[in-house]
Amino acid sequence: MLNAGTYFPGRGTIVEQSYLRGYADGYKEIHGAGHEQGLAAAVFSVLEARGVVTSTEARTRIASDMSADTFSRWLIKSRAATSEADLLTDEPPPPYES
């Protein structure tokens, strides 16, 4: 949990604990979602730079998935993808070749 303190009447009470827990949960929710949105944007940028055309359905699927592991896999696969099908398969990403 986020270590934060407040200085208001009732300090150290269940009211303060509930406030701090809600603050920490909201912080995680807001900043966690931002991370996944950034990963989705990175996947789209790599695909665009490679000239891979993505359908609206594929873009919706990519943007709606909020798993950092999935985004990481897609980001790795996007560097070698020649189509959206290459990206969205369940196959592992190809080995890196320099």
C-alpha atoms as a PDB file:
ATOM      1  CA  MET A   1       0.000   0.000   0.000  1.00  0.00           C
ATOM      2  CA  LEU A   2       1.078   3.560  -0.619  1.00  0.00           C
ATOM      3  CA  ASN A   3       2.828   5.072   2.395  1.00  0.00           C
ATOM      4  CA  ALA A   4       1.174   8.389   2.854  1.00  0.00           C
ATOM      5  CA  GLY A   5      -0.035  10.238   5.859  1.00  0.00           C
ATOM      6  CA  THR A   6      -2.619  12.831   6.508  1.00  0.00           C
ATOM      7  CA  TYR A   7      -3.007  15.376   9.210  1.00  0.00           C
ATOM      8  CA  PHE A   8      -6.661  15.841   9.939  1.00  0.00           C
ATOM      9  CA  PRO A   9      -8.847  15.180  12.972  1.00  0.00           C
ATOM     10  CA  GLY A  10      -9.257  11.450  13.281  1.00  0.00           C
ATOM     11  CA  ARG A  11      -5.689  10.650  12.325  1.00  0.00           C
ATOM     12  CA  GLY A  12      -4.951   6.960  12.837  1.00  0.00           C
ATOM     13  CA  THR A  13      -8.622   5.971  12.751  1.00  0.00           C
ATOM     14  CA  ILE A  14     -10.480   3.670  10.416  1.00  0.00           C
ATOM     15  CA  VAL A  15     -11.642   6.759   8.513  1.00  0.00           C
ATOM     16  CA  GLU A  16      -8.064   7.682   7.660  1.00  0.00           C
ATOM     17  CA  GLN A  17      -7.161   4.082   6.830  1.00  0.00           C
ATOM     18  CA  SER A  18     -10.139   3.833   4.451  1.00  0.00           C
ATOM     19  CA  TYR A  19      -9.221   7.143   2.837  1.00  0.00           C
ATOM     20  CA  LEU A  20      -5.603   6.072   2.296  1.00  0.00           C
ATOM     21  CA  ARG A  21      -6.622   2.640   0.961  1.00  0.00           C
ATOM     22  CA  GLY A  22      -8.990   4.283  -1.534  1.00  0.00           C
ATOM     23  CA  TYR A  23      -6.298   6.744  -2.551  1.00  0.00           C
ATOM     24  CA  ALA A  24      -3.770   3.947  -3.135  1.00  0.00           C
ATOM     25  CA  ASP A  25      -6.274   1.833  -5.097  1.00  0.00           C
ATOM     26  CA  GLY A  26      -7.228   4.798  -7.273  1.00  0.00           C
ATOM     27  CA  TYR A  27      -3.568   5.604  -7.902  1.00  0.00           C
ATOM     28  CA  LYS A  28      -2.869   2.031  -9.019  1.00  0.00           C
ATOM     29  CA  GLU A  29      -5.934   2.003 -11.262  1.00  0.00           C
ATOM     30  CA  ILE A  30      -5.126   5.285 -12.976  1.00  0.00           C
ATOM     31  CA  HIS A  31      -1.408   4.708 -13.449  1.00  0.00           C
ATOM     32  CA  GLY A  32      -1.747   1.000 -14.260  1.00  0.00           C
ATOM     33  CA  ALA A  33      -4.149   1.731 -17.103  1.00  0.00           C
ATOM     34  CA  GLY A  34      -1.799   4.391 -18.438  1.00  0.00           C
ATOM     35  CA  HIS A  35       0.990   1.844 -18.719  1.00  0.00           C
ATOM     36  CA  GLU A  36      -1.124  -0.549 -20.794  1.00  0.00           C
ATOM     37  CA  GLN A  37      -2.347   2.301 -23.008  1.00  0.00           C
ATOM     38  CA  GLY A  38       1.276   3.249 -23.629  1.00  0.00           C
ATOM     39  CA  LEU A  39       2.121  -0.329 -24.593  1.00  0.00           C
ATOM     40  CA  ALA A  40      -0.840  -0.421 -26.998  1.00  0.00           C
ATOM     41  CA  ALA A  41       0.348   2.831 -28.571  1.00  0.00           C
ATOM     42  CA  ALA A  42       3.836   1.342 -28.958  1.00  0.00           C
ATOM     43  CA  VAL A  43       2.431  -1.746 -30.714  1.00  0.00           C
ATOM     44  CA  PHE A  44       0.435   0.482 -33.103  1.00  0.00           C
ATOM     45  CA  SER A  45       3.501   2.654 -33.784  1.00  0.00           C
ATOM     46  CA  VAL A  46       5.717  -0.314 -34.658  1.00  0.00           C
ATOM     47  CA  LEU A  47       3.047  -1.820 -36.928  1.00  0.00           C
ATOM     48  CA  GLU A  48       2.528   1.523 -38.658  1.00  0.00           C
ATOM     49  CA  ALA A  49       6.266   2.036 -39.145  1.00  0.00           C
ATOM     50  CA  ARG A  50       6.502  -1.423 -40.708  1.00  0.00           C
ATOM     51  CA  GLY A  51       3.581  -0.660 -43.029  1.00  0.00           C
ATOM     52  CA  VAL A  52       1.290  -3.286 -41.506  1.00  0.00           C
ATOM     53  CA  VAL A  53      -2.360  -2.391 -42.058  1.00  0.00           C
ATOM     54  CA  THR A  54      -4.625  -3.286 -39.142  1.00  0.00           C
ATOM     55  CA  SER A  55      -8.384  -3.638 -39.282  1.00  0.00           C
ATOM     56  CA  THR A  56     -10.733  -1.853 -36.921  1.00  0.00           C
ATOM     57  CA  GLU A  57     -11.474  -5.184 -35.237  1.00  0.00           C
ATOM     58  CA  ALA A  58      -7.772  -5.868 -34.626  1.00  0.00           C
ATOM     59  CA  ARG A  59      -7.188  -2.345 -33.297  1.00  0.00           C
ATOM     60  CA  THR A  60     -10.163  -2.732 -30.952  1.00  0.00           C
ATOM     61  CA  ARG A  61      -8.876  -6.097 -29.728  1.00  0.00           C
ATOM     62  CA  ILE A  62      -5.382  -4.726 -29.127  1.00  0.00           C
ATOM     63  CA  ALA A  63      -6.623  -1.579 -27.369  1.00  0.00           C
ATOM     64  CA  SER A  64      -9.121  -3.445 -25.173  1.00  0.00           C
ATOM     65  CA  ASP A  65      -6.690  -6.038 -23.801  1.00  0.00           C
ATOM     66  CA  MET A  66      -5.289  -4.760 -20.507  1.00  0.00           C
ATOM     67  CA  SER A  67      -2.689  -7.476 -19.879  1.00  0.00           C
ATOM     68  CA  ALA A  68       0.881  -6.215 -19.721  1.00  0.00           C
ATOM     69  CA  ASP A  69       2.129  -9.711 -20.629  1.00  0.00           C
ATOM     70  CA  THR A  70       0.007  -9.775 -23.783  1.00  0.00           C
ATOM     71  CA  PHE A  71       1.153  -6.293 -24.788  1.00  0.00           C
ATOM     72  CA  SER A  72       4.779  -7.256 -24.238  1.00  0.00           C
ATOM     73  CA  ARG A  73       4.339 -10.340 -26.452  1.00  0.00           C
ATOM     74  CA  TRP A  74       2.599  -8.257 -29.119  1.00  0.00           C
ATOM     75  CA  LEU A  75       5.295  -5.595 -29.004  1.00  0.00           C
ATOM     76  CA  ILE A  76       8.003  -8.218 -29.541  1.00  0.00           C
ATOM     77  CA  LYS A  77       6.021  -9.864 -32.334  1.00  0.00           C
ATOM     78  CA  SER A  78       5.253  -6.515 -34.005  1.00  0.00           C
ATOM     79  CA  ARG A  79       8.926  -6.009 -34.925  1.00  0.00           C
ATOM     80  CA  ALA A  80       8.724  -8.935 -37.378  1.00  0.00           C
ATOM     81  CA  ALA A  81       5.006  -8.917 -38.265  1.00  0.00           C
ATOM     82  CA  THR A  82       4.048  -8.546 -41.902  1.00  0.00           C
ATOM     83  CA  SER A  83       0.301  -8.756 -41.220  1.00  0.00           C
ATOM     84  CA  GLU A  84      -2.077  -8.424 -38.302  1.00  0.00           C
ATOM     85  CA  ALA A  85      -2.475 -12.219 -38.364  1.00  0.00           C
ATOM     86  CA  ASP A  86       1.246 -12.559 -37.535  1.00  0.00           C
ATOM     87  CA  LEU A  87       0.682 -10.412 -34.479  1.00  0.00           C
ATOM     88  CA  LEU A  88      -2.534 -11.939 -33.166  1.00  0.00           C
ATOM     89  CA  THR A  89      -1.620 -15.625 -33.375  1.00  0.00           C
ATOM     90  CA  ASP A  90      -0.915 -17.572 -30.197  1.00  0.00           C
ATOM     91  CA  GLU A  91       2.489 -18.628 -31.489  1.00  0.00           C
ATOM     92  CA  PRO A  92       5.515 -17.362 -29.570  1.00  0.00           C
ATOM     93  CA  PRO A  93       7.452 -14.453 -31.063  1.00  0.00           C
ATOM     94  CA  PRO A  94      10.290 -15.263 -33.442  1.00  0.00           C
ATOM     95  CA  PRO A  95      13.855 -15.159 -32.104  1.00  0.00           C
ATOM     96  CA  TYR A  96      15.623 -11.837 -32.341  1.00  0.00           C
ATOM     97  CA  GLU A  97      18.020 -11.460 -35.258  1.00  0.00           C
ATOM     98  CA  SER A  98      20.310  -8.443 -35.328  1.00  0.00           C
END
